Amino acid sequence: MADSQSFVIGIDGGASHTVAVLADARTGAALGRGEGGPSNIQAIGVDAALRELNAAVVGAFDAAKVTRVPVAAAALGLAGVDGREGADVIRGWAEMVQLADKLTVANDATLLFAAGTPDGWGLAVVAGTGSIAFTLDAQGNDARAGGWGYLMGDEGSAFRLGLLGLRAACRAADNIGEPTALLSAFLKELGSDDPREFIPAVYRGKWDKAAIAALAPRVLTAVASGDAVASAIFEQEARELARTAAGAVAAGGLPRDNLPIALTGGLVIESAMYRNRFLHELRACGVTPWPVGLVEDPVVGAVVLARKLLS
């Protein structure tokens, strides 16, 4: 077995799942990947979060066929770790399980800068089920906008596209709103020909937040087909996401021209149409993004940060 100093661990923990990667300290090459459930201590509690973190680490060592040992360095980017208290909880766990000789703990947004910007600073935008924008300057000062959750915010997210599309479909079913292809598309998704079946689907839990977010591709398909209602939703939400990003830039005092940007989340990663519209709206807000980095796997940034601890 290689010496424990040959290894680093990067961990990306969020509201839906946790990923840990055991990597070669010298090259950064991934040796093993483990996964666990959500590890946001604010959302699920400390005990449950630590259990999932540990499961992901165990999985990474098992996948690499390496006996678990304290590694040279570990970087953890975790949702819900925004203050000293949260970071101290994670540090206490890491010390107890002898995770690593050197350790850094920060919000999961830091991984996006490490993985998606040339020099580790700039603007990072998440647009998946939810949405949020972060900035980090070259001196390490951060700022943010958005991230209020699906009841108070999440503008420009997949959930918002799905929700507004569903509302439009209901109004069309009542012959009050404009006719839209979204009505038939969502009925097909539900496997029904009765719009009133939307009610139990939503309020009895079959269509929870994640399922409503999963309707976003139906909205995008309708946009591509020229549906006016879907197009209006698409344009509105791309604009609102851009306004959120521009707000973070203003809060952080970052330069508005040639600003490095890292994008992640299913909506902006998987839909070039939505991504391009967002970038167009961001320029209209006075922010010129360049270069644009797409971060499909944020845990890569955690490995980068872990290796930097050894420099």
C-alpha atoms as a PDB file:
ATOM      1  CA  MET A   1       0.000   0.000   0.000  1.00  0.00           C
ATOM      2  CA  ALA A   2       1.195   3.508  -0.796  1.00  0.00           C
ATOM      3  CA  ASP A   3       2.085   5.823   2.081  1.00  0.00           C
ATOM      4  CA  SER A   4      -0.865   7.827   3.408  1.00  0.00           C
ATOM      5  CA  GLN A   5       0.935  11.023   2.409  1.00  0.00           C
ATOM      6  CA  SER A   6       0.381   9.968  -1.203  1.00  0.00           C
ATOM      7  CA  PHE A   7      -3.337  10.719  -0.918  1.00  0.00           C
ATOM      8  CA  VAL A   8      -5.692  13.682  -0.704  1.00  0.00           C
ATOM      9  CA  ILE A   9      -9.466  13.744  -0.344  1.00  0.00           C
ATOM     10  CA  GLY A  10     -11.914  16.173  -1.900  1.00  0.00           C
ATOM     11  CA  ILE A  11     -15.513  16.272  -0.655  1.00  0.00           C
ATOM     12  CA  ASP A  12     -18.530  18.020  -2.170  1.00  0.00           C
ATOM     13  CA  GLY A  13     -21.561  17.923   0.110  1.00  0.00           C
ATOM     14  CA  GLY A  14     -24.954  19.382  -0.717  1.00  0.00           C
ATOM     15  CA  ALA A  15     -28.662  19.260  -0.124  1.00  0.00           C
ATOM     16  CA  SER A  16     -29.222  16.124  -2.177  1.00  0.00           C
ATOM     17  CA  HIS A  17     -26.022  14.081  -2.042  1.00  0.00           C
ATOM     18  CA  THR A  18     -22.382  13.961  -0.982  1.00  0.00           C
ATOM     19  CA  VAL A  19     -19.380  12.934  -3.079  1.00  0.00           C
ATOM     20  CA  ALA A  20     -15.879  12.113  -1.830  1.00  0.00           C
ATOM     21  CA  VAL A  21     -12.909  11.476  -4.119  1.00  0.00           C
ATOM     22  CA  LEU A  22      -9.648   9.910  -2.972  1.00  0.00           C
ATOM     23  CA  ALA A  23      -6.919  11.212  -5.268  1.00  0.00           C
ATOM     24  CA  ASP A  24      -3.197  10.985  -5.884  1.00  0.00           C
ATOM     25  CA  ALA A  25      -1.582  13.886  -4.053  1.00  0.00           C
ATOM     26  CA  ARG A  26       1.069  14.373  -6.728  1.00  0.00           C
ATOM     27  CA  THR A  27      -1.049  14.250  -9.880  1.00  0.00           C
ATOM     28  CA  GLY A  28      -4.610  14.820  -8.682  1.00  0.00           C
ATOM     29  CA  ALA A  29      -5.757  11.668 -10.469  1.00  0.00           C
ATOM     30  CA  ALA A  30      -8.891  10.162  -8.917  1.00  0.00           C
ATOM     31  CA  LEU A  31      -8.326   6.770  -7.319  1.00  0.00           C
ATOM     32  CA  GLY A  32     -11.735   6.114  -5.809  1.00  0.00           C
ATOM     33  CA  ARG A  33     -15.123   7.791  -5.571  1.00  0.00           C
ATOM     34  CA  GLY A  34     -17.686   7.357  -2.814  1.00  0.00           C
ATOM     35  CA  GLU A  35     -21.157   8.801  -2.387  1.00  0.00           C
ATOM     36  CA  GLY A  36     -23.564   9.458   0.441  1.00  0.00           C
ATOM     37  CA  GLY A  37     -26.834  11.235   1.060  1.00  0.00           C
ATOM     38  CA  PRO A  38     -27.311  14.942   1.854  1.00  0.00           C
ATOM     39  CA  SER A  39     -24.812  16.519   4.264  1.00  0.00           C
ATOM     40  CA  ASN A  40     -26.176  20.029   4.779  1.00  0.00           C
ATOM     41  CA  ILE A  41     -26.061  20.344   8.574  1.00  0.00           C
ATOM     42  CA  GLN A  42     -28.627  23.150   8.494  1.00  0.00           C
ATOM     43  CA  ALA A  43     -31.141  21.045   6.593  1.00  0.00           C
ATOM     44  CA  ILE A  44     -30.800  17.548   8.059  1.00  0.00           C
ATOM     45  CA  GLY A  45     -28.984  18.059  11.359  1.00  0.00           C
ATOM     46  CA  VAL A  46     -25.420  17.439  12.470  1.00  0.00           C
ATOM     47  CA  ASP A  47     -25.599  13.719  13.209  1.00  0.00           C
ATOM     48  CA  ALA A  48     -27.200  12.797   9.888  1.00  0.00           C
ATOM     49  CA  ALA A  49     -24.814  15.034   7.948  1.00  0.00           C
ATOM     50  CA  LEU A  50     -21.715  13.571   9.575  1.00  0.00           C
ATOM     51  CA  ARG A  51     -22.997  10.062   8.933  1.00  0.00           C
ATOM     52  CA  GLU A  52     -23.313  10.767   5.209  1.00  0.00           C
ATOM     53  CA  LEU A  53     -19.901  12.443   5.053  1.00  0.00           C
ATOM     54  CA  ASN A  54     -18.361   9.393   6.634  1.00  0.00           C
ATOM     55  CA  ALA A  55     -20.210   7.053   4.264  1.00  0.00           C
ATOM     56  CA  ALA A  56     -18.837   8.947   1.262  1.00  0.00           C
ATOM     57  CA  VAL A  57     -15.269   8.778   2.605  1.00  0.00           C
ATOM     58  CA  VAL A  58     -15.571   5.051   3.322  1.00  0.00           C
ATOM     59  CA  GLY A  59     -16.903   4.541  -0.195  1.00  0.00           C
ATOM     60  CA  ALA A  60     -13.971   6.402  -1.737  1.00  0.00           C
ATOM     61  CA  PHE A  61     -11.404   4.237   0.057  1.00  0.00           C
ATOM     62  CA  ASP A  62     -13.326   1.067  -0.778  1.00  0.00           C
ATOM     63  CA  ALA A  63     -13.541   2.020  -4.455  1.00  0.00           C
ATOM     64  CA  ALA A  64      -9.786   2.651  -4.513  1.00  0.00           C
ATOM     65  CA  LYS A  65      -9.167  -0.652  -2.684  1.00  0.00           C
ATOM     66  CA  VAL A  66      -7.094   1.224  -0.143  1.00  0.00           C
ATOM     67  CA  THR A  67      -7.209   0.749   3.633  1.00  0.00           C
ATOM     68  CA  ARG A  68      -8.553   3.890   5.254  1.00  0.00           C
ATOM     69  CA  VAL A  69      -5.789   6.040   6.696  1.00  0.00           C
ATOM     70  CA  PRO A  70      -5.354   9.755   7.500  1.00  0.00           C
ATOM     71  CA  VAL A  71      -4.473  11.425   4.196  1.00  0.00           C
ATOM     72  CA  ALA A  72      -2.083  14.292   3.604  1.00  0.00           C
ATOM     73  CA  ALA A  73      -4.818  16.874   2.999  1.00  0.00           C
ATOM     74  CA  ALA A  74      -8.584  17.162   2.638  1.00  0.00           C
ATOM     75  CA  ALA A  75     -10.803  19.928   1.307  1.00  0.00           C
ATOM     76  CA  LEU A  76     -14.509  19.954   2.085  1.00  0.00           C
ATOM     77  CA  GLY A  77     -16.977  22.188   0.271  1.00  0.00           C
ATOM     78  CA  LEU A  78     -20.291  21.824   2.058  1.00  0.00           C
ATOM     79  CA  ALA A  79     -23.675  23.461   1.695  1.00  0.00           C
ATOM     80  CA  GLY A  80     -24.846  24.937   4.997  1.00  0.00           C
ATOM     81  CA  VAL A  81     -21.344  25.697   6.275  1.00  0.00           C
ATOM     82  CA  ASP A  82     -21.374  29.481   6.209  1.00  0.00           C
ATOM     83  CA  GLY A  83     -20.273  30.452   9.696  1.00  0.00           C
ATOM     84  CA  ARG A  84     -17.569  29.541  12.159  1.00  0.00           C
ATOM     85  CA  GLU A  85     -19.870  27.308  14.186  1.00  0.00           C
ATOM     86  CA  GLY A  86     -20.705  25.078  11.222  1.00  0.00           C
ATOM     87  CA  ALA A  87     -17.080  24.791  10.148  1.00  0.00           C
ATOM     88  CA  ASP A  88     -16.028  23.938  13.707  1.00  0.00           C
ATOM     89  CA  VAL A  89     -18.505  21.060  13.794  1.00  0.00           C
ATOM     90  CA  ILE A  90     -17.015  19.612  10.619  1.00  0.00           C
ATOM     91  CA  ARG A  91     -13.465  20.152  11.851  1.00  0.00           C
ATOM     92  CA  GLY A  92     -14.314  18.339  15.072  1.00  0.00           C
ATOM     93  CA  TRP A  93     -15.621  15.372  13.116  1.00  0.00           C
ATOM     94  CA  ALA A  94     -12.568  15.342  10.827  1.00  0.00           C
ATOM     95  CA  GLU A  95     -10.255  15.311  13.823  1.00  0.00           C
ATOM     96  CA  MET A  96     -12.214  12.539  15.520  1.00  0.00           C
ATOM     97  CA  VAL A  97     -12.097  10.248  12.473  1.00  0.00           C
ATOM     98  CA  GLN A  98      -8.491  11.268  11.655  1.00  0.00           C
ATOM     99  CA  LEU A  99      -9.454  12.353   8.165  1.00  0.00           C
ATOM    100  CA  ALA A 100      -6.356  14.323   7.182  1.00  0.00           C
ATOM    101  CA  ASP A 101      -3.188  16.005   8.411  1.00  0.00           C
ATOM    102  CA  LYS A 102      -4.246  19.283   6.753  1.00  0.00           C
ATOM    103  CA  LEU A 103      -7.825  20.410   6.330  1.00  0.00           C
ATOM    104  CA  THR A 104      -9.924  23.188   4.818  1.00  0.00           C
ATOM    105  CA  VAL A 105     -13.683  23.543   5.280  1.00  0.00           C
ATOM    106  CA  ALA A 106     -15.803  26.071   3.412  1.00  0.00           C
ATOM    107  CA  ASN A 107     -19.112  26.551   1.623  1.00  0.00           C
ATOM    108  CA  ASP A 108     -19.545  24.354  -1.450  1.00  0.00           C
ATOM    109  CA  ALA A 109     -19.419  27.420  -3.715  1.00  0.00           C
ATOM    110  CA  THR A 110     -15.652  27.592  -3.195  1.00  0.00           C
ATOM    111  CA  LEU A 111     -15.332  24.396  -5.230  1.00  0.00           C
ATOM    112  CA  LEU A 112     -16.781  26.114  -8.281  1.00  0.00           C
ATOM    113  CA  PHE A 113     -14.104  28.795  -8.277  1.00  0.00           C
ATOM    114  CA  ALA A 114     -11.359  26.185  -7.953  1.00  0.00           C
ATOM    115  CA  ALA A 115     -12.793  24.019 -10.730  1.00  0.00           C
ATOM    116  CA  GLY A 116     -14.220  26.614 -13.104  1.00  0.00           C
ATOM    117  CA  THR A 117     -12.132  29.804 -13.054  1.00  0.00           C
ATOM    118  CA  PRO A 118      -8.523  30.272 -14.168  1.00  0.00           C
ATOM    119  CA  ASP A 119      -7.211  31.774 -10.927  1.00  0.00           C
ATOM    120  CA  GLY A 120      -9.762  30.666  -8.339  1.00  0.00           C
ATOM    121  CA  TRP A 121     -11.797  33.883  -8.201  1.00  0.00           C
ATOM    122  CA  GLY A 122     -14.706  35.473 -10.065  1.00  0.00           C
ATOM    123  CA  LEU A 123     -18.431  34.760 -10.275  1.00  0.00           C
ATOM    124  CA  ALA A 124     -20.039  31.377  -9.657  1.00  0.00           C
ATOM    125  CA  VAL A 125     -23.662  30.686 -10.566  1.00  0.00           C
ATOM    126  CA  VAL A 126     -25.643  27.604  -9.619  1.00  0.00           C
ATOM    127  CA  ALA A 127     -28.823  26.917 -11.595  1.00  0.00           C
ATOM    128  CA  GLY A 128     -30.159  23.451 -10.946  1.00  0.00           C
ATOM    129  CA  THR A 129     -33.166  22.578  -8.826  1.00  0.00           C
ATOM    130  CA  GLY A 130     -32.447  25.850  -6.994  1.00  0.00           C
ATOM    131  CA  SER A 131     -30.309  28.872  -7.786  1.00  0.00           C
ATOM    132  CA  ILE A 132     -27.696  31.092  -6.141  1.00  0.00           C
ATOM    133  CA  ALA A 133     -24.782  33.305  -7.191  1.00  0.00           C
ATOM    134  CA  PHE A 134     -21.488  33.807  -5.397  1.00  0.00           C
ATOM    135  CA  THR A 135     -18.448  35.994  -5.929  1.00  0.00           C
ATOM    136  CA  LEU A 136     -14.920  35.617  -4.642  1.00  0.00           C
ATOM    137  CA  ASP A 137     -12.193  38.198  -5.210  1.00  0.00           C
ATOM    138  CA  ALA A 138      -8.460  37.623  -5.457  1.00  0.00           C
ATOM    139  CA  GLN A 139      -8.049  38.480  -1.760  1.00  0.00           C
ATOM    140  CA  GLY A 140     -10.566  35.851  -0.666  1.00  0.00           C
ATOM    141  CA  ASN A 141     -13.485  38.182   0.098  1.00  0.00           C
ATOM    142  CA  ASP A 142     -16.852  36.698  -0.822  1.00  0.00           C
ATOM    143  CA  ALA A 143     -20.395  37.887  -1.492  1.00  0.00           C
ATOM    144  CA  ARG A 144     -23.624  36.340  -2.683  1.00  0.00           C
ATOM    145  CA  ALA A 145     -27.139  36.904  -3.960  1.00  0.00           C
ATOM    146  CA  GLY A 146     -30.072  34.524  -4.156  1.00  0.00           C
ATOM    147  CA  GLY A 147     -30.185  31.213  -2.360  1.00  0.00           C
ATOM    148  CA  TRP A 148     -33.451  32.001  -0.571  1.00  0.00           C
ATOM    149  CA  GLY A 149     -34.974  28.626  -1.331  1.00  0.00           C
ATOM    150  CA  TYR A 150     -37.957  27.590  -3.407  1.00  0.00           C
ATOM    151  CA  LEU A 151     -40.594  29.480  -1.387  1.00  0.00           C
ATOM    152  CA  MET A 152     -38.790  32.828  -1.247  1.00  0.00           C
ATOM    153  CA  GLY A 153     -36.513  32.751  -4.270  1.00  0.00           C
ATOM    154  CA  ASP A 154     -34.691  30.314  -6.593  1.00  0.00           C
ATOM    155  CA  GLU A 155     -35.278  32.609  -9.558  1.00  0.00           C
ATOM    156  CA  GLY A 156     -33.986  31.169 -12.804  1.00  0.00           C
ATOM    157  CA  SER A 157     -33.891  27.624 -11.454  1.00  0.00           C
ATOM    158  CA  ALA A 158     -35.331  24.429 -12.881  1.00  0.00           C
ATOM    159  CA  PHE A 159     -37.930  24.474 -10.121  1.00  0.00           C
ATOM    160  CA  ARG A 160     -39.092  27.932 -11.130  1.00  0.00           C
ATOM    161  CA  LEU A 161     -39.355  26.945 -14.784  1.00  0.00           C
ATOM    162  CA  GLY A 162     -41.379  23.877 -13.857  1.00  0.00           C
ATOM    163  CA  LEU A 163     -43.598  25.724 -11.381  1.00  0.00           C
ATOM    164  CA  LEU A 164     -44.389  28.653 -13.670  1.00  0.00           C
ATOM    165  CA  GLY A 165     -44.999  26.261 -16.538  1.00  0.00           C
ATOM    166  CA  LEU A 166     -47.384  24.271 -14.371  1.00  0.00           C
ATOM    167  CA  ARG A 167     -49.239  27.432 -13.320  1.00  0.00           C
ATOM    168  CA  ALA A 168     -49.580  28.456 -16.968  1.00  0.00           C
ATOM    169  CA  ALA A 169     -50.917  25.008 -17.839  1.00  0.00           C
ATOM    170  CA  CYS A 170     -53.565  25.292 -15.106  1.00  0.00           C
ATOM    171  CA  ARG A 171     -54.698  28.698 -16.367  1.00  0.00           C
ATOM    172  CA  ALA A 172     -54.866  27.343 -19.898  1.00  0.00           C
ATOM    173  CA  ALA A 173     -56.992  24.427 -18.643  1.00  0.00           C
ATOM    174  CA  ASP A 174     -59.432  26.983 -17.205  1.00  0.00           C
ATOM    175  CA  ASN A 175     -59.525  28.827 -20.548  1.00  0.00           C
ATOM    176  CA  ILE A 176     -58.274  31.923 -18.743  1.00  0.00           C
ATOM    177  CA  GLY A 177     -54.618  32.006 -19.711  1.00  0.00           C
ATOM    178  CA  GLU A 178     -53.184  31.770 -23.191  1.00  0.00           C
ATOM    179  CA  PRO A 179     -53.297  28.343 -24.839  1.00  0.00           C
ATOM    180  CA  THR A 180     -49.987  26.541 -24.418  1.00  0.00           C
ATOM    181  CA  ALA A 181     -48.422  23.230 -25.392  1.00  0.00           C
ATOM    182  CA  LEU A 182     -47.333  22.926 -21.765  1.00  0.00           C
ATOM    183  CA  LEU A 183     -50.778  21.653 -20.782  1.00  0.00           C
ATOM    184  CA  SER A 184     -50.597  18.574 -22.989  1.00  0.00           C
ATOM    185  CA  ALA A 185     -46.902  18.107 -22.210  1.00  0.00           C
ATOM    186  CA  PHE A 186     -47.477  18.033 -18.454  1.00  0.00           C
ATOM    187  CA  LEU A 187     -50.529  15.797 -18.789  1.00  0.00           C
ATOM    188  CA  LYS A 188     -48.381  13.370 -20.763  1.00  0.00           C
ATOM    189  CA  GLU A 189     -45.755  13.546 -18.026  1.00  0.00           C
ATOM    190  CA  LEU A 190     -48.444  12.734 -15.461  1.00  0.00           C
ATOM    191  CA  GLY A 191     -49.979   9.989 -17.580  1.00  0.00           C
ATOM    192  CA  SER A 192     -53.447  11.525 -17.472  1.00  0.00           C
ATOM    193  CA  ASP A 193     -55.863  13.427 -19.693  1.00  0.00           C
ATOM    194  CA  ASP A 194     -57.499  15.285 -16.773  1.00  0.00           C
ATOM    195  CA  PRO A 195     -55.818  18.563 -15.700  1.00  0.00           C
ATOM    196  CA  ARG A 196     -57.491  18.259 -12.291  1.00  0.00           C
ATOM    197  CA  GLU A 197     -55.095  15.383 -11.611  1.00  0.00           C
ATOM    198  CA  PHE A 198     -52.402  18.027 -11.204  1.00  0.00           C
ATOM    199  CA  ILE A 199     -53.929  18.804  -7.798  1.00  0.00           C
ATOM    200  CA  PRO A 200     -53.310  15.481  -6.032  1.00  0.00           C
ATOM    201  CA  ALA A 201     -50.009  15.092  -7.856  1.00  0.00           C
ATOM    202  CA  VAL A 202     -48.690  18.326  -6.360  1.00  0.00           C
ATOM    203  CA  TYR A 203     -50.432  18.493  -2.993  1.00  0.00           C
ATOM    204  CA  ARG A 204     -50.200  14.836  -2.070  1.00  0.00           C
ATOM    205  CA  GLY A 205     -46.524  14.639  -2.855  1.00  0.00           C
ATOM    206  CA  LYS A 206     -46.138  12.662  -6.096  1.00  0.00           C
ATOM    207  CA  TRP A 207     -44.797  15.825  -7.692  1.00  0.00           C
ATOM    208  CA  ASP A 208     -42.500  17.164  -4.990  1.00  0.00           C
ATOM    209  CA  LYS A 209     -39.942  19.922  -5.466  1.00  0.00           C
ATOM    210  CA  ALA A 210     -37.545  17.699  -7.386  1.00  0.00           C
ATOM    211  CA  ALA A 211     -40.314  16.372  -9.637  1.00  0.00           C
ATOM    212  CA  ILE A 212     -41.531  19.886 -10.452  1.00  0.00           C
ATOM    213  CA  ALA A 213     -37.948  20.869 -11.273  1.00  0.00           C
ATOM    214  CA  ALA A 214     -37.818  17.837 -13.561  1.00  0.00           C
ATOM    215  CA  LEU A 215     -40.587  19.454 -15.654  1.00  0.00           C
ATOM    216  CA  ALA A 216     -38.120  22.149 -16.788  1.00  0.00           C
ATOM    217  CA  PRO A 217     -37.000  20.170 -19.882  1.00  0.00           C
ATOM    218  CA  ARG A 218     -40.652  20.078 -21.004  1.00  0.00           C
ATOM    219  CA  VAL A 219     -40.705  23.872 -20.809  1.00  0.00           C
ATOM    220  CA  LEU A 220     -37.482  24.119 -22.810  1.00  0.00           C
ATOM    221  CA  THR A 221     -38.860  21.760 -25.458  1.00  0.00           C
ATOM    222  CA  ALA A 222     -41.931  23.970 -25.794  1.00  0.00           C
ATOM    223  CA  VAL A 223     -39.665  27.026 -26.131  1.00  0.00           C
ATOM    224  CA  ALA A 224     -37.762  25.355 -28.961  1.00  0.00           C
ATOM    225  CA  SER A 225     -41.096  24.629 -30.660  1.00  0.00           C
ATOM    226  CA  GLY A 226     -42.077  28.281 -30.545  1.00  0.00           C
ATOM    227  CA  ASP A 227     -44.642  28.165 -27.739  1.00  0.00           C
ATOM    228  CA  ALA A 228     -45.265  31.792 -26.705  1.00  0.00           C
ATOM    229  CA  VAL A 229     -46.172  31.045 -23.086  1.00  0.00           C
ATOM    230  CA  ALA A 230     -43.133  28.845 -22.504  1.00  0.00           C
ATOM    231  CA  SER A 231     -40.903  31.390 -24.230  1.00  0.00           C
ATOM    232  CA  ALA A 232     -42.110  34.170 -21.938  1.00  0.00           C
ATOM    233  CA  ILE A 233     -41.304  32.044 -18.867  1.00  0.00           C
ATOM    234  CA  PHE A 234     -37.918  31.113 -20.313  1.00  0.00           C
ATOM    235  CA  GLU A 235     -36.963  34.730 -20.990  1.00  0.00           C
ATOM    236  CA  GLN A 236     -38.218  35.956 -17.627  1.00  0.00           C
ATOM    237  CA  GLU A 237     -36.339  33.367 -15.592  1.00  0.00           C
ATOM    238  CA  ALA A 238     -33.085  33.720 -17.538  1.00  0.00           C
ATOM    239  CA  ARG A 239     -33.344  37.470 -16.910  1.00  0.00           C
ATOM    240  CA  GLU A 240     -34.000  36.980 -13.193  1.00  0.00           C
ATOM    241  CA  LEU A 241     -31.041  34.614 -12.866  1.00  0.00           C
ATOM    242  CA  ALA A 242     -28.869  37.232 -14.583  1.00  0.00           C
ATOM    243  CA  ARG A 243     -30.133  39.912 -12.194  1.00  0.00           C
ATOM    244  CA  THR A 244     -29.208  37.649  -9.269  1.00  0.00           C
ATOM    245  CA  ALA A 245     -25.713  37.135 -10.662  1.00  0.00           C
ATOM    246  CA  ALA A 246     -25.271  40.872 -11.308  1.00  0.00           C
ATOM    247  CA  GLY A 247     -26.407  41.524  -7.742  1.00  0.00           C
ATOM    248  CA  ALA A 248     -23.673  39.256  -6.404  1.00  0.00           C
ATOM    249  CA  VAL A 249     -21.093  41.052  -8.577  1.00  0.00           C
ATOM    250  CA  ALA A 250     -22.226  44.412  -7.211  1.00  0.00           C
ATOM    251  CA  ALA A 251     -22.185  43.131  -3.619  1.00  0.00           C
ATOM    252  CA  GLY A 252     -18.652  41.809  -4.049  1.00  0.00           C
ATOM    253  CA  GLY A 253     -17.339  44.875  -5.856  1.00  0.00           C
ATOM    254  CA  LEU A 254     -15.856  42.769  -8.645  1.00  0.00           C
ATOM    255  CA  PRO A 255     -14.928  44.144 -12.071  1.00  0.00           C
ATOM    256  CA  ARG A 256     -17.832  43.970 -14.511  1.00  0.00           C
ATOM    257  CA  ASP A 257     -15.737  43.468 -17.657  1.00  0.00           C
ATOM    258  CA  ASN A 258     -14.042  40.171 -18.529  1.00  0.00           C
ATOM    259  CA  LEU A 259     -15.164  38.606 -15.275  1.00  0.00           C
ATOM    260  CA  PRO A 260     -14.342  34.885 -14.941  1.00  0.00           C
ATOM    261  CA  ILE A 261     -17.518  32.871 -14.384  1.00  0.00           C
ATOM    262  CA  ALA A 262     -18.120  29.273 -13.339  1.00  0.00           C
ATOM    263  CA  LEU A 263     -21.505  27.700 -14.047  1.00  0.00           C
ATOM    264  CA  THR A 264     -22.975  24.548 -12.562  1.00  0.00           C
ATOM    265  CA  GLY A 265     -26.343  22.895 -12.122  1.00  0.00           C
ATOM    266  CA  GLY A 266     -28.357  20.797 -14.536  1.00  0.00           C
ATOM    267  CA  LEU A 267     -30.229  23.698 -16.102  1.00  0.00           C
ATOM    268  CA  VAL A 268     -27.167  25.637 -17.305  1.00  0.00           C
ATOM    269  CA  ILE A 269     -24.973  22.612 -17.923  1.00  0.00           C
ATOM    270  CA  GLU A 270     -27.450  20.522 -19.915  1.00  0.00           C
ATOM    271  CA  SER A 271     -29.285  23.268 -21.837  1.00  0.00           C
ATOM    272  CA  ALA A 272     -27.055  25.375 -24.098  1.00  0.00           C
ATOM    273  CA  MET A 273     -30.146  27.344 -25.066  1.00  0.00           C
ATOM    274  CA  TYR A 274     -30.841  28.389 -21.486  1.00  0.00           C
ATOM    275  CA  ARG A 275     -27.160  28.990 -20.728  1.00  0.00           C
ATOM    276  CA  ASN A 276     -26.722  31.242 -23.744  1.00  0.00           C
ATOM    277  CA  ARG A 277     -29.856  33.205 -22.905  1.00  0.00           C
ATOM    278  CA  PHE A 278     -28.633  33.690 -19.338  1.00  0.00           C
ATOM    279  CA  LEU A 279     -25.246  34.942 -20.544  1.00  0.00           C
ATOM    280  CA  HIS A 280     -27.012  37.309 -22.967  1.00  0.00           C
ATOM    281  CA  GLU A 281     -29.122  38.699 -20.116  1.00  0.00           C
ATOM    282  CA  LEU A 282     -26.053  38.991 -17.881  1.00  0.00           C
ATOM    283  CA  ARG A 283     -24.372  41.182 -20.503  1.00  0.00           C
ATOM    284  CA  ALA A 284     -27.556  43.261 -20.639  1.00  0.00           C
ATOM    285  CA  CYS A 285     -27.126  43.761 -16.874  1.00  0.00           C
ATOM    286  CA  GLY A 286     -23.692  45.268 -17.533  1.00  0.00           C
ATOM    287  CA  VAL A 287     -21.546  42.247 -16.657  1.00  0.00           C
ATOM    288  CA  THR A 288     -19.322  40.778 -19.385  1.00  0.00           C
ATOM    289  CA  PRO A 289     -18.383  37.200 -18.418  1.00  0.00           C
ATOM    290  CA  TRP A 290     -15.104  35.794 -19.692  1.00  0.00           C
ATOM    291  CA  PRO A 291     -13.950  33.100 -19.634  1.00  0.00           C
ATOM    292  CA  VAL A 292     -16.997  30.906 -19.016  1.00  0.00           C
ATOM    293  CA  GLY A 293     -16.236  27.643 -17.217  1.00  0.00           C
ATOM    294  CA  LEU A 294     -18.725  24.773 -17.016  1.00  0.00           C
ATOM    295  CA  VAL A 295     -18.374  22.701 -13.857  1.00  0.00           C
ATOM    296  CA  GLU A 296     -20.050  19.340 -14.325  1.00  0.00           C
ATOM    297  CA  ASP A 297     -18.467  17.771 -11.240  1.00  0.00           C
ATOM    298  CA  PRO A 298     -17.672  20.287  -8.438  1.00  0.00           C
ATOM    299  CA  VAL A 299     -15.773  17.701  -6.403  1.00  0.00           C
ATOM    300  CA  VAL A 300     -12.916  18.234  -8.890  1.00  0.00           C
ATOM    301  CA  GLY A 301     -12.502  21.658  -7.286  1.00  0.00           C
ATOM    302  CA  ALA A 302     -12.254  20.041  -3.856  1.00  0.00           C
ATOM    303  CA  VAL A 303      -9.336  17.911  -5.021  1.00  0.00           C
ATOM    304  CA  VAL A 304      -7.645  21.032  -6.414  1.00  0.00           C
ATOM    305  CA  LEU A 305      -8.026  22.801  -3.066  1.00  0.00           C
ATOM    306  CA  ALA A 306      -6.772  19.789  -1.146  1.00  0.00           C
ATOM    307  CA  ARG A 307      -3.621  19.628  -3.243  1.00  0.00           C
ATOM    308  CA  LYS A 308      -3.066  23.361  -2.737  1.00  0.00           C
ATOM    309  CA  LEU A 309      -2.836  22.720   1.011  1.00  0.00           C
ATOM    310  CA  LEU A 310       0.338  20.776   0.306  1.00  0.00           C
ATOM    311  CA  SER A 311       2.031  23.613  -1.573  1.00  0.00           C
END
